[in-house]
PDB file of N, CA and C in Angstrom:
ATOM      1  N   MET A   1     -17.121  14.110   8.802  1.00  0.00           N
ATOM      2  CA  MET A   1     -16.609  13.038   7.642  1.00  0.00           C
ATOM      3  C   MET A   1     -15.372  12.903   8.572  1.00  0.00           C
ATOM      4  N   TYR A   2     -15.031  11.822   8.707  1.00  0.00           N
ATOM      5  CA  TYR A   2     -13.755  11.363   9.493  1.00  0.00           C
ATOM      6  C   TYR A   2     -12.800  11.108   8.166  1.00  0.00           C
ATOM      7  N   ILE A   3     -12.223  11.909   7.903  1.00  0.00           N
ATOM      8  CA  ILE A   3     -10.526  11.867   6.756  1.00  0.00           C
ATOM      9  C   ILE A   3      -9.271  11.209   7.464  1.00  0.00           C
ATOM     10  N   GLN A   4      -8.677  11.565   6.251  1.00  0.00           N
ATOM     11  CA  GLN A   4      -7.329  10.970   7.087  1.00  0.00           C
ATOM     12  C   GLN A   4      -6.562  11.375   8.137  1.00  0.00           C
ATOM     13  N   GLU A   5      -6.098  10.552   9.306  1.00  0.00           N
ATOM     14  CA  GLU A   5      -5.571  11.020  10.433  1.00  0.00           C
ATOM     15  C   GLU A   5      -4.705  12.227  10.109  1.00  0.00           C
ATOM     16  N   ALA A   6      -5.451  13.182  10.928  1.00  0.00           N
ATOM     17  CA  ALA A   6      -4.155  14.583  10.720  1.00  0.00           C
ATOM     18  C   ALA A   6      -3.180  14.557  11.606  1.00  0.00           C
ATOM     19  N   HIS A   7      -2.953  14.294  12.730  1.00  0.00           N
ATOM     20  CA  HIS A   7      -1.488  13.732  13.627  1.00  0.00           C
ATOM     21  C   HIS A   7      -1.262  12.344  14.070  1.00  0.00           C
ATOM     22  N   PRO A   8      -0.862  11.689  13.036  1.00  0.00           N
ATOM     23  CA  PRO A   8      -0.743  10.074  13.698  1.00  0.00           C
ATOM     24  C   PRO A   8       1.033  10.133  14.196  1.00  0.00           C
ATOM     25  N   VAL A   9       0.821   9.345  14.760  1.00  0.00           N
ATOM     26  CA  VAL A   9       2.022   8.901  15.735  1.00  0.00           C
ATOM     27  C   VAL A   9       3.053   8.881  14.574  1.00  0.00           C
ATOM     28  N   ASP A  10       3.123   8.175  13.374  1.00  0.00           N
ATOM     29  CA  ASP A  10       3.827   8.011  12.373  1.00  0.00           C
ATOM     30  C   ASP A  10       4.466   9.506  11.559  1.00  0.00           C
ATOM     31  N   LEU A  11       3.965  10.432  11.485  1.00  0.00           N
ATOM     32  CA  LEU A  11       3.858  11.210  11.237  1.00  0.00           C
ATOM     33  C   LEU A  11       3.862  12.719  11.677  1.00  0.00           C
ATOM     34  N   TRP A  12       3.013  13.409  12.668  1.00  0.00           N
ATOM     35  CA  TRP A  12       2.684  14.813  13.237  1.00  0.00           C
ATOM     36  C   TRP A  12       2.398  14.351  14.165  1.00  0.00           C
ATOM     37  N   GLN A  13       2.887  14.265  15.365  1.00  0.00           N
ATOM     38  CA  GLN A  13       1.918  14.284  17.071  1.00  0.00           C
ATOM     39  C   GLN A  13       2.006  15.579  17.501  1.00  0.00           C
ATOM     40  N   VAL A  14       0.921  15.756  18.008  1.00  0.00           N
ATOM     41  CA  VAL A  14       0.440  17.084  18.862  1.00  0.00           C
ATOM     42  C   VAL A  14       0.031  16.617  20.629  1.00  0.00           C
ATOM     43  N   SER A  15       0.595  17.497  21.051  1.00  0.00           N
ATOM     44  CA  SER A  15       0.398  17.123  22.868  1.00  0.00           C
ATOM     45  C   SER A  15      -1.145  16.815  22.755  1.00  0.00           C
ATOM     46  N   SER A  16      -2.173  17.837  22.750  1.00  0.00           N
ATOM     47  CA  SER A  16      -3.172  17.249  22.572  1.00  0.00           C
ATOM     48  C   SER A  16      -4.103  15.794  22.517  1.00  0.00           C
ATOM     49  N   ASN A  17      -3.253  15.107  21.511  1.00  0.00           N
ATOM     50  CA  ASN A  17      -3.606  13.774  20.946  1.00  0.00           C
ATOM     51  C   ASN A  17      -3.079  12.942  22.708  1.00  0.00           C
ATOM     52  N   VAL A  18      -1.617  13.217  23.083  1.00  0.00           N
ATOM     53  CA  VAL A  18      -1.736  12.528  23.981  1.00  0.00           C
ATOM     54  C   VAL A  18      -2.629  12.494  25.322  1.00  0.00           C
ATOM     55  N   THR A  19      -3.059  13.714  25.656  1.00  0.00           N
ATOM     56  CA  THR A  19      -3.795  14.000  26.526  1.00  0.00           C
ATOM     57  C   THR A  19      -4.842  13.168  26.538  1.00  0.00           C
ATOM     58  N   ASP A  20      -5.399  13.194  25.449  1.00  0.00           N
ATOM     59  CA  ASP A  20      -7.129  12.592  25.238  1.00  0.00           C
ATOM     60  C   ASP A  20      -6.782  11.365  24.441  1.00  0.00           C
ATOM     61  N   GLY A  21      -5.665  10.913  24.462  1.00  0.00           N
ATOM     62  CA  GLY A  21      -5.507   9.289  24.422  1.00  0.00           C
ATOM     63  C   GLY A  21      -5.979   8.848  23.077  1.00  0.00           C
ATOM     64  N   VAL A  22      -5.549   9.977  21.977  1.00  0.00           N
ATOM     65  CA  VAL A  22      -5.948   9.677  20.653  1.00  0.00           C
ATOM     66  C   VAL A  22      -4.638   9.423  19.700  1.00  0.00           C
ATOM     67  N   LEU A  23      -4.089   8.525  20.070  1.00  0.00           N
ATOM     68  CA  LEU A  23      -2.651   7.778  19.126  1.00  0.00           C
ATOM     69  C   LEU A  23      -2.921   6.679  18.463  1.00  0.00           C
ATOM     70  N   PHE A  24      -2.795   7.131  17.174  1.00  0.00           N
ATOM     71  CA  PHE A  24      -3.125   6.155  15.927  1.00  0.00           C
ATOM     72  C   PHE A  24      -1.876   6.289  15.079  1.00  0.00           C
ATOM     73  N   ALA A  25      -1.130   5.196  14.486  1.00  0.00           N
ATOM     74  CA  ALA A  25      -0.570   5.342  13.210  1.00  0.00           C
ATOM     75  C   ALA A  25      -1.390   5.772  12.085  1.00  0.00           C
ATOM     76  N   SER A  26      -0.859   6.016  10.971  1.00  0.00           N
ATOM     77  CA  SER A  26      -1.481   6.247   9.332  1.00  0.00           C
ATOM     78  C   SER A  26      -2.460   4.819   9.076  1.00  0.00           C
ATOM     79  N   PRO A  27      -3.239   5.058   9.055  1.00  0.00           N
ATOM     80  CA  PRO A  27      -4.216   3.831   8.636  1.00  0.00           C
ATOM     81  C   PRO A  27      -3.528   3.067   7.109  1.00  0.00           C
ATOM     82  N   GLN A  28      -3.592   2.366   6.879  1.00  0.00           N
ATOM     83  CA  GLN A  28      -3.595   1.926   5.567  1.00  0.00           C
ATOM     84  C   GLN A  28      -4.651   0.892   4.835  1.00  0.00           C
ATOM     85  N   THR A  29      -5.349   0.585   5.597  1.00  0.00           N
ATOM     86  CA  THR A  29      -6.863  -0.394   5.048  1.00  0.00           C
ATOM     87  C   THR A  29      -7.636   0.838   5.366  1.00  0.00           C
ATOM     88  N   SER A  30      -9.020   0.569   4.478  1.00  0.00           N
ATOM     89  CA  SER A  30     -10.201   0.598   4.911  1.00  0.00           C
ATOM     90  C   SER A  30     -10.658   0.283   6.069  1.00  0.00           C
ATOM     91  N   GLY A  31     -10.013  -0.911   6.277  1.00  0.00           N
ATOM     92  CA  GLY A  31     -10.905  -1.308   7.828  1.00  0.00           C
ATOM     93  C   GLY A  31      -9.846  -0.800   9.048  1.00  0.00           C
ATOM     94  N   GLU A  32      -8.859  -0.339   8.964  1.00  0.00           N
ATOM     95  CA  GLU A  32      -8.024   0.388   9.949  1.00  0.00           C
ATOM     96  C   GLU A  32      -8.356   1.943  10.026  1.00  0.00           C
ATOM     97  N   ARG A  33      -9.341   2.779   9.079  1.00  0.00           N
ATOM     98  CA  ARG A  33      -9.337   3.934   8.919  1.00  0.00           C
ATOM     99  C   ARG A  33     -10.541   4.103  10.239  1.00  0.00           C
ATOM    100  N   LEU A  34     -11.204   3.263   9.705  1.00  0.00           N
ATOM    101  CA  LEU A  34     -13.456   3.221  10.364  1.00  0.00           C
ATOM    102  C   LEU A  34     -12.819   2.616  11.578  1.00  0.00           C
ATOM    103  N   GLU A  35     -11.886   1.984  11.812  1.00  0.00           N
ATOM    104  CA  GLU A  35     -11.225   1.550  13.345  1.00  0.00           C
ATOM    105  C   GLU A  35     -10.977   3.035  13.988  1.00  0.00           C
ATOM    106  N   THR A  36     -10.047   3.452  13.500  1.00  0.00           N
ATOM    107  CA  THR A  36      -9.693   4.608  14.352  1.00  0.00           C
ATOM    108  C   THR A  36     -10.375   5.504  14.343  1.00  0.00           C
ATOM    109  N   ALA A  37     -11.538   5.576  13.510  1.00  0.00           N
ATOM    110  CA  ALA A  37     -12.685   7.102  13.538  1.00  0.00           C
ATOM    111  C   ALA A  37     -13.463   6.597  14.571  1.00  0.00           C
ATOM    112  N   GLU A  38     -13.892   5.072  15.031  1.00  0.00           N
ATOM    113  CA  GLU A  38     -15.047   4.912  15.782  1.00  0.00           C
ATOM    114  C   GLU A  38     -14.461   4.771  16.781  1.00  0.00           C
ATOM    115  N   THR A  39     -12.922   4.806  17.227  1.00  0.00           N
ATOM    116  CA  THR A  39     -12.701   4.813  18.305  1.00  0.00           C
ATOM    117  C   THR A  39     -12.507   6.228  18.535  1.00  0.00           C
ATOM    118  N   CYS A  40     -12.328   7.681  17.798  1.00  0.00           N
ATOM    119  CA  CYS A  40     -12.326   8.469  17.954  1.00  0.00           C
ATOM    120  C   CYS A  40     -13.460   9.320  18.696  1.00  0.00           C
ATOM    121  N   VAL A  41     -14.616   9.154  17.983  1.00  0.00           N
ATOM    122  CA  VAL A  41     -15.689   9.391  18.131  1.00  0.00           C
ATOM    123  C   VAL A  41     -15.999   8.693  19.726  1.00  0.00           C
ATOM    124  N   VAL A  42     -15.976   8.122  19.882  1.00  0.00           N
ATOM    125  CA  VAL A  42     -15.958   7.609  21.566  1.00  0.00           C
ATOM    126  C   VAL A  42     -15.274   8.299  22.506  1.00  0.00           C
ATOM    127  N   LYS A  43     -13.546   8.533  22.145  1.00  0.00           N
ATOM    128  CA  LYS A  43     -12.975   9.048  23.238  1.00  0.00           C
ATOM    129  C   LYS A  43     -13.351  10.170  22.525  1.00  0.00           C
ATOM    130  N   LEU A  44     -13.507  10.969  22.031  1.00  0.00           N
ATOM    131  CA  LEU A  44     -13.946  12.501  21.928  1.00  0.00           C
ATOM    132  C   LEU A  44     -14.991  12.722  22.238  1.00  0.00           C
ATOM    133  N   ALA A  45     -16.036  12.120  22.549  1.00  0.00           N
ATOM    134  CA  ALA A  45     -17.616  12.002  22.832  1.00  0.00           C
ATOM    135  C   ALA A  45     -17.988  13.048  21.881  1.00  0.00           C
ATOM    136  N   ILE A  46     -18.156  12.503  20.749  1.00  0.00           N
ATOM    137  CA  ILE A  46     -18.441  13.484  19.750  1.00  0.00           C
ATOM    138  C   ILE A  46     -20.041  12.816  19.186  1.00  0.00           C
ATOM    139  N   LYS A  47     -21.074  13.714  19.658  1.00  0.00           N
ATOM    140  CA  LYS A  47     -22.070  13.332  19.645  1.00  0.00           C
ATOM    141  C   LYS A  47     -23.300  13.869  18.442  1.00  0.00           C
ATOM    142  N   MET A  48     -22.150  13.876  17.246  1.00  0.00           N
ATOM    143  CA  MET A  48     -23.227  13.878  15.900  1.00  0.00           C
ATOM    144  C   MET A  48     -22.683  12.410  15.036  1.00  0.00           C
ATOM    145  N   PRO A  49     -23.759  12.293  13.783  1.00  0.00           N
ATOM    146  CA  PRO A  49     -23.027  11.169  13.124  1.00  0.00           C
ATOM    147  C   PRO A  49     -21.725  11.417  12.533  1.00  0.00           C
ATOM    148  N   ALA A  50     -21.057  10.259  12.396  1.00  0.00           N
ATOM    149  CA  ALA A  50     -19.884  10.351  11.637  1.00  0.00           C
ATOM    150  C   ALA A  50     -19.993   9.608  10.476  1.00  0.00           C
ATOM    151  N   LEU A  51     -19.152  10.142   9.544  1.00  0.00           N
ATOM    152  CA  LEU A  51     -18.793   9.131   8.459  1.00  0.00           C
ATOM    153  C   LEU A  51     -17.575   9.055   7.642  1.00  0.00           C
ATOM    154  N   VAL A  52     -17.101   7.843   7.071  1.00  0.00           N
ATOM    155  CA  VAL A  52     -15.255   7.770   7.077  1.00  0.00           C
ATOM    156  C   VAL A  52     -15.254   7.617   5.443  1.00  0.00           C
ATOM    157  N   ASP A  53     -14.529   8.457   5.486  1.00  0.00           N
ATOM    158  CA  ASP A  53     -13.771   8.815   4.052  1.00  0.00           C
ATOM    159  C   ASP A  53     -12.944   7.568   3.736  1.00  0.00           C
ATOM    160  N   GLY A  54     -13.024   7.197   2.526  1.00  0.00           N
ATOM    161  CA  GLY A  54     -11.942   6.219   2.506  1.00  0.00           C
ATOM    162  C   GLY A  54     -10.571   6.204   1.745  1.00  0.00           C
ATOM    163  N   ILE A  55     -10.173   4.974   2.135  1.00  0.00           N
ATOM    164  CA  ILE A  55      -8.704   5.047   2.394  1.00  0.00           C
ATOM    165  C   ILE A  55      -8.083   5.793   0.841  1.00  0.00           C
ATOM    166  N   ASP A  56      -8.361   6.323  -0.246  1.00  0.00           N
ATOM    167  CA  ASP A  56      -8.190   6.569  -1.197  1.00  0.00           C
ATOM    168  C   ASP A  56      -8.498   8.181  -0.644  1.00  0.00           C
ATOM    169  N   ASN A  57      -9.471   8.651   0.290  1.00  0.00           N
ATOM    170  CA  ASN A  57      -9.054  10.070   0.335  1.00  0.00           C
ATOM    171  C   ASN A  57     -10.145  10.910  -0.190  1.00  0.00           C
ATOM    172  N   ARG A  58     -10.923  10.410  -1.168  1.00  0.00           N
ATOM    173  CA  ARG A  58     -11.677  10.816  -2.476  1.00  0.00           C
ATOM    174  C   ARG A  58     -12.436  12.033  -1.728  1.00  0.00           C
ATOM    175  N   ILE A  59     -12.844  11.865  -0.647  1.00  0.00           N
ATOM    176  CA  ILE A  59     -14.168  13.143  -0.180  1.00  0.00           C
ATOM    177  C   ILE A  59     -13.072  14.152   0.358  1.00  0.00           C
ATOM    178  N   GLU A  60     -12.209  13.665   1.169  1.00  0.00           N
ATOM    179  CA  GLU A  60     -10.843  15.204   1.359  1.00  0.00           C
ATOM    180  C   GLU A  60     -10.716  15.519   0.208  1.00  0.00           C
ATOM    181  N   ARG A  61      -9.975  15.164  -1.058  1.00  0.00           N
ATOM    182  CA  ARG A  61      -9.816  16.126  -2.032  1.00  0.00           C
ATOM    183  C   ARG A  61     -11.032  16.859  -2.739  1.00  0.00           C
ATOM    184  N   ALA A  62     -11.852  16.104  -2.609  1.00  0.00           N
ATOM    185  CA  ALA A  62     -13.171  17.066  -3.394  1.00  0.00           C
ATOM    186  C   ALA A  62     -13.675  18.355  -2.355  1.00  0.00           C
ATOM    187  N   TYR A  63     -13.364  18.027  -1.235  1.00  0.00           N
ATOM    188  CA  TYR A  63     -14.338  19.313  -0.295  1.00  0.00           C
ATOM    189  C   TYR A  63     -13.127  20.099   0.425  1.00  0.00           C
ATOM    190  N   THR A  64     -11.583  19.449   0.214  1.00  0.00           N
ATOM    191  CA  THR A  64     -10.712  20.363   0.812  1.00  0.00           C
ATOM    192  C   THR A  64     -10.854  20.402   2.592  1.00  0.00           C
ATOM    193  N   GLY A  65     -10.970  19.090   2.567  1.00  0.00           N
ATOM    194  CA  GLY A  65     -11.690  19.168   4.177  1.00  0.00           C
ATOM    195  C   GLY A  65     -10.504  19.100   5.190  1.00  0.00           C
ATOM    196  N   TRP A  66      -9.222  19.253   4.857  1.00  0.00           N
ATOM    197  CA  TRP A  66      -8.057  19.064   5.856  1.00  0.00           C
ATOM    198  C   TRP A  66      -7.750  20.464   6.242  1.00  0.00           C
ATOM    199  N   PRO A  67      -7.456  20.231   7.765  1.00  0.00           N
ATOM    200  CA  PRO A  67      -7.543  19.809   8.521  1.00  0.00           C
ATOM    201  C   PRO A  67      -9.076  19.270   9.180  1.00  0.00           C
ATOM    202  N   ASP A  68      -9.561  20.555   9.129  1.00  0.00           N
ATOM    203  CA  ASP A  68     -10.823  20.456   9.218  1.00  0.00           C
ATOM    204  C   ASP A  68     -11.610  21.628   9.225  1.00  0.00           C
ATOM    205  N   ARG A  69     -13.212  21.220   8.648  1.00  0.00           N
ATOM    206  CA  ARG A  69     -14.240  22.380   7.895  1.00  0.00           C
ATOM    207  C   ARG A  69     -15.538  22.113   8.288  1.00  0.00           C
ATOM    208  N   LEU A  70     -16.194  23.154   8.503  1.00  0.00           N
ATOM    209  CA  LEU A  70     -18.144  22.907   8.524  1.00  0.00           C
ATOM    210  C   LEU A  70     -18.712  23.344   6.894  1.00  0.00           C
ATOM    211  N   TYR A  71     -19.390  22.578   6.671  1.00  0.00           N
ATOM    212  CA  TYR A  71     -19.655  22.636   5.506  1.00  0.00           C
ATOM    213  C   TYR A  71     -21.383  22.512   6.079  1.00  0.00           C
ATOM    214  N   MET A  72     -22.154  23.277   4.930  1.00  0.00           N
ATOM    215  CA  MET A  72     -23.593  22.772   4.951  1.00  0.00           C
ATOM    216  C   MET A  72     -24.035  22.527   3.522  1.00  0.00           C
ATOM    217  N   ILE A  73     -24.667  21.717   3.777  1.00  0.00           N
ATOM    218  CA  ILE A  73     -25.293  21.005   2.056  1.00  0.00           C
ATOM    219  C   ILE A  73     -26.673  21.161   2.214  1.00  0.00           C
ATOM    220  N   GLY A  74     -27.341  22.042   1.500  1.00  0.00           N
ATOM    221  CA  GLY A  74     -28.559  21.844   0.859  1.00  0.00           C
ATOM    222  C   GLY A  74     -29.546  20.378   0.977  1.00  0.00           C
ATOM    223  N   THR A  75     -30.598  20.318   1.048  1.00  0.00           N
ATOM    224  CA  THR A  75     -31.445  19.466   0.277  1.00  0.00           C
ATOM    225  C   THR A  75     -31.718  19.105  -0.748  1.00  0.00           C
ATOM    226  N   ASP A  76     -30.636  20.092  -1.904  1.00  0.00           N
ATOM    227  CA  ASP A  76     -30.306  19.526  -3.507  1.00  0.00           C
ATOM    228  C   ASP A  76     -28.969  19.389  -3.301  1.00  0.00           C
ATOM    229  N   GLY A  77     -28.638  19.026  -2.552  1.00  0.00           N
ATOM    230  CA  GLY A  77     -27.500  18.151  -2.676  1.00  0.00           C
ATOM    231  C   GLY A  77     -26.161  19.651  -2.592  1.00  0.00           C
ATOM    232  N   ARG A  78     -26.480  20.601  -2.741  1.00  0.00           N
ATOM    233  CA  ARG A  78     -25.536  21.584  -3.256  1.00  0.00           C
ATOM    234  C   ARG A  78     -24.987  22.383  -1.958  1.00  0.00           C
ATOM    235  N   VAL A  79     -23.152  22.456  -1.804  1.00  0.00           N
ATOM    236  CA  VAL A  79     -22.572  22.942  -0.876  1.00  0.00           C
ATOM    237  C   VAL A  79     -23.369  24.430  -1.126  1.00  0.00           C
ATOM    238  N   ARG A  80     -24.152  24.963   0.563  1.00  0.00           N
ATOM    239  CA  ARG A  80     -24.388  26.149   0.815  1.00  0.00           C
ATOM    240  C   ARG A  80     -23.725  27.257   1.265  1.00  0.00           C
ATOM    241  N   HIS A  81     -22.701  26.117   2.127  1.00  0.00           N
ATOM    242  CA  HIS A  81     -21.686  27.220   3.268  1.00  0.00           C
ATOM    243  C   HIS A  81     -20.813  26.316   3.655  1.00  0.00           C
ATOM    244  N   LYS A  82     -19.105  27.163   3.311  1.00  0.00           N
ATOM    245  CA  LYS A  82     -17.999  26.299   3.592  1.00  0.00           C
ATOM    246  C   LYS A  82     -17.164  27.200   4.348  1.00  0.00           C
ATOM    247  N   SER A  83     -16.939  26.763   5.559  1.00  0.00           N
ATOM    248  CA  SER A  83     -16.054  27.644   5.951  1.00  0.00           C
ATOM    249  C   SER A  83     -14.634  27.587   6.145  1.00  0.00           C
ATOM    250  N   ALA A  84     -13.913  28.692   6.740  1.00  0.00           N
ATOM    251  CA  ALA A  84     -12.526  28.650   6.281  1.00  0.00           C
ATOM    252  C   ALA A  84     -11.659  27.544   7.021  1.00  0.00           C
ATOM    253  N   PRO A  85     -10.721  26.897   6.751  1.00  0.00           N
ATOM    254  CA  PRO A  85     -10.036  25.626   7.763  1.00  0.00           C
ATOM    255  C   PRO A  85      -9.880  25.841   9.078  1.00  0.00           C
ATOM    256  N   GLY A  86     -10.653  25.100   9.783  1.00  0.00           N
ATOM    257  CA  GLY A  86     -10.646  24.762  11.432  1.00  0.00           C
ATOM    258  C   GLY A  86      -8.885  24.610  11.872  1.00  0.00           C
ATOM    259  N   PRO A  87      -9.311  24.292  12.933  1.00  0.00           N
ATOM    260  CA  PRO A  87     -10.033  24.525  14.409  1.00  0.00           C
ATOM    261  C   PRO A  87     -10.042  25.683  14.296  1.00  0.00           C
ATOM    262  N   PHE A  88      -9.218  26.981  13.719  1.00  0.00           N
ATOM    263  CA  PHE A  88      -9.695  28.193  14.267  1.00  0.00           C
ATOM    264  C   PHE A  88      -9.776  29.052  13.305  1.00  0.00           C
ATOM    265  N   GLY A  89     -10.031  28.569  12.207  1.00  0.00           N
ATOM    266  CA  GLY A  89     -10.547  29.229  10.839  1.00  0.00           C
ATOM    267  C   GLY A  89     -12.217  29.429  11.093  1.00  0.00           C
ATOM    268  N   PHE A  90     -12.894  28.496  11.597  1.00  0.00           N
ATOM    269  CA  PHE A  90     -14.168  28.871  11.343  1.00  0.00           C
ATOM    270  C   PHE A  90     -15.320  28.813  12.992  1.00  0.00           C
ATOM    271  N   SER A  91     -16.030  29.482  12.493  1.00  0.00           N
ATOM    272  CA  SER A  91     -17.035  29.756  13.513  1.00  0.00           C
ATOM    273  C   SER A  91     -18.675  28.937  13.530  1.00  0.00           C
ATOM    274  N   THR A  92     -18.762  28.273  14.450  1.00  0.00           N
ATOM    275  CA  THR A  92     -19.763  27.409  14.546  1.00  0.00           C
ATOM    276  C   THR A  92     -21.304  28.709  14.495  1.00  0.00           C
ATOM    277  N   ALA A  93     -21.183  29.765  15.728  1.00  0.00           N
ATOM    278  CA  ALA A  93     -22.326  31.005  14.769  1.00  0.00           C
ATOM    279  C   ALA A  93     -22.394  31.294  13.879  1.00  0.00           C
ATOM    280  N   ASN A  94     -21.287  31.281  12.868  1.00  0.00           N
ATOM    281  CA  ASN A  94     -21.610  31.743  11.549  1.00  0.00           C
ATOM    282  C   ASN A  94     -22.284  30.604  10.525  1.00  0.00           C
ATOM    283  N   LEU A  95     -21.525  29.425  10.884  1.00  0.00           N
ATOM    284  CA  LEU A  95     -22.617  28.382  10.397  1.00  0.00           C
ATOM    285  C   LEU A  95     -23.803  28.449  10.672  1.00  0.00           C
ATOM    286  N   GLU A  96     -24.442  28.265  11.722  1.00  0.00           N
ATOM    287  CA  GLU A  96     -25.724  28.629  12.300  1.00  0.00           C
ATOM    288  C   GLU A  96     -26.726  30.042  11.682  1.00  0.00           C
ATOM    289  N   GLN A  97     -25.968  31.063  11.737  1.00  0.00           N
ATOM    290  CA  GLN A  97     -26.206  32.135  10.974  1.00  0.00           C
ATOM    291  C   GLN A  97     -26.895  31.562   9.529  1.00  0.00           C
ATOM    292  N   HIS A  98     -25.967  31.060   8.751  1.00  0.00           N
ATOM    293  CA  HIS A  98     -26.097  30.305   7.368  1.00  0.00           C
ATOM    294  C   HIS A  98     -27.500  29.497   7.062  1.00  0.00           C
ATOM    295  N   LEU A  99     -27.481  28.563   8.311  1.00  0.00           N
ATOM    296  CA  LEU A  99     -28.638  27.586   8.399  1.00  0.00           C
ATOM    297  C   LEU A  99     -29.796  27.996   8.557  1.00  0.00           C
ATOM    298  N   GLU A 100     -30.169  29.507   9.580  1.00  0.00           N
ATOM    299  CA  GLU A 100     -31.061  30.217   9.960  1.00  0.00           C
ATOM    300  C   GLU A 100     -31.615  30.686   8.086  1.00  0.00           C
ATOM    301  N   GLN A 101     -30.612  31.247   7.444  1.00  0.00           N
ATOM    302  CA  GLN A 101     -31.169  31.918   6.103  1.00  0.00           C
ATOM    303  C   GLN A 101     -31.514  31.093   5.503  1.00  0.00           C
ATOM    304  N   MET A 102     -30.895  29.517   5.387  1.00  0.00           N
ATOM    305  CA  MET A 102     -31.451  28.624   4.751  1.00  0.00           C
ATOM    306  C   MET A 102     -33.088  27.954   4.789  1.00  0.00           C
ATOM    307  N   LEU A 103     -32.902  28.625   6.180  1.00  0.00           N
ATOM    308  CA  LEU A 103     -33.948  27.760   6.748  1.00  0.00           C
ATOM    309  C   LEU A 103     -35.425  28.631   6.644  1.00  0.00           C
ATOM    310  N   ARG A 104     -34.878  30.016   6.438  1.00  0.00           N
ATOM    311  CA  ARG A 104     -36.175  31.021   6.277  1.00  0.00           C
ATOM    312  C   ARG A 104     -36.537  30.881   4.761  1.00  0.00           C
ATOM    313  N   ALA A 105     -35.498  30.733   4.118  1.00  0.00           N
ATOM    314  CA  ALA A 105     -35.678  30.799   2.130  1.00  0.00           C
ATOM    315  C   ALA A 105     -36.156  29.570   2.141  1.00  0.00           C
ATOM    316  N   ALA A 106     -36.545  28.670   3.128  1.00  0.00           N
ATOM    317  CA  ALA A 106     -37.342  27.042   2.374  1.00  0.00           C
ATOM    318  C   ALA A 106     -38.466  27.955   1.879  1.00  0.00           C
ATOM    319  N   PRO A 107     -39.315  26.533   0.799  1.00  0.00           N
ATOM    320  CA  PRO A 107     -40.364  26.726   0.451  1.00  0.00           C
ATOM    321  C   PRO A 107     -41.348  26.453   1.352  1.00  0.00           C
ATOM    322  N   GLY A 108     -41.988  26.789   1.678  1.00  0.00           N
ATOM    323  CA  GLY A 108     -43.114  26.792   2.928  1.00  0.00           C
ATOM    324  C   GLY A 108     -42.899  27.483   4.093  1.00  0.00           C
ATOM    325  N   GLN A 109     -42.087  28.146   4.303  1.00  0.00           N
ATOM    326  CA  GLN A 109     -41.640  28.645   5.659  1.00  0.00           C
ATOM    327  C   GLN A 109     -42.280  30.202   6.228  1.00  0.00           C
TER     328      GLN A 109
END
């Protein structure tokens, strides 16, 4: 889920954004946020589907996704795993472990 830009040029810029060429002002409309998200996906070569939070930041507020987090949502729609805030507070290995546990517990497995 692409949420509000964490490091827009009009607020708080980081050197890695300059290096990666992802320099954006804070979007003011949903259309601008969608354009920014699409550009980030392409420039950062993100290989997974990306959804975009609305300009009202409803999803970010509901899930406390800033700056970034890893979530695992069960087929019943419930949150099965929520990582610590990233990028340094989460582990993909930990997410994988939770996913394996959930798959083992699934009916018919």
